[in-house]
């Protein structure tokens, strides 16, 4: 296992594709995989040649969450619960935060089942696209008596609403890709054979955005969750105070007047 590459990393025309690479086990979010994924994301953060990221899985699944067969108490004097919580706080939680705060847009190409923590991983992306055969499943409470994690309890109610989040958490049902689109849980679903072509096309579109676009969008929508309407209107006007004076706005106006696509500087 020491020679196993848990994450496959490819870079093409400014788009970095990261592939979870434990296909024989349906890509569980093993500790080693998390370490390699976070390292890859940190390298992307510092690589100004990268304009967008695609996250997908090798084989038949996107990510099926924790590898329960590998969970066992390790350090003396620590229960499995204590050890798991410490690992989450040291590695899993920072991984999701790193994914959510990358300075480039992230597309999740969900090529198969996303279960457990894999749902949180898929929904940490800015745009989530699924193959038609894919589904989203939360076994935490019905099967194990534990709460959804890796950001599921944060992302699902914000995307699909509290009622659907509660149903997913409690009813032990798979949400297929088409229903996930109807719910607003994900952006789109496509035929399986078209998934990577579609994800690449979306990533290419995102790569052409102003370099700061994805960060501004995340922060604006996050701010709206805690603001009144008046506070959010003020937030918007203050962001415009800064953004209208940036070169990207001048380029956008020039392109509009000249009836051409805008060309924005890379980050």
Foldseek 3Di string as FASTA:
>chain_A
DVPDDQWDWDDDQQEIEIEGPPQVVQRECDLVNQVNLQVVLVVQLVDLSHAEYEYAYPHAWGYAYHPVVPQDDDDPPDHSVRVVVVSCVVTLQVSLVSLLPRLHAYEYLTLAEQEFLSLLVQQSGPAYEYAQHHWYAYCPCVPPNHFGDNCLVPRCCVQQNDVVSVCRNPVGDIGGQVNCCVRRVHPYYDHSVCRVVVRVVVRVVRSQDASRVSVVVSVLVVVVVVDDPVVSVVVVVVVCVPPCPDPQVVQVVVCVVVVHDGGHDGD
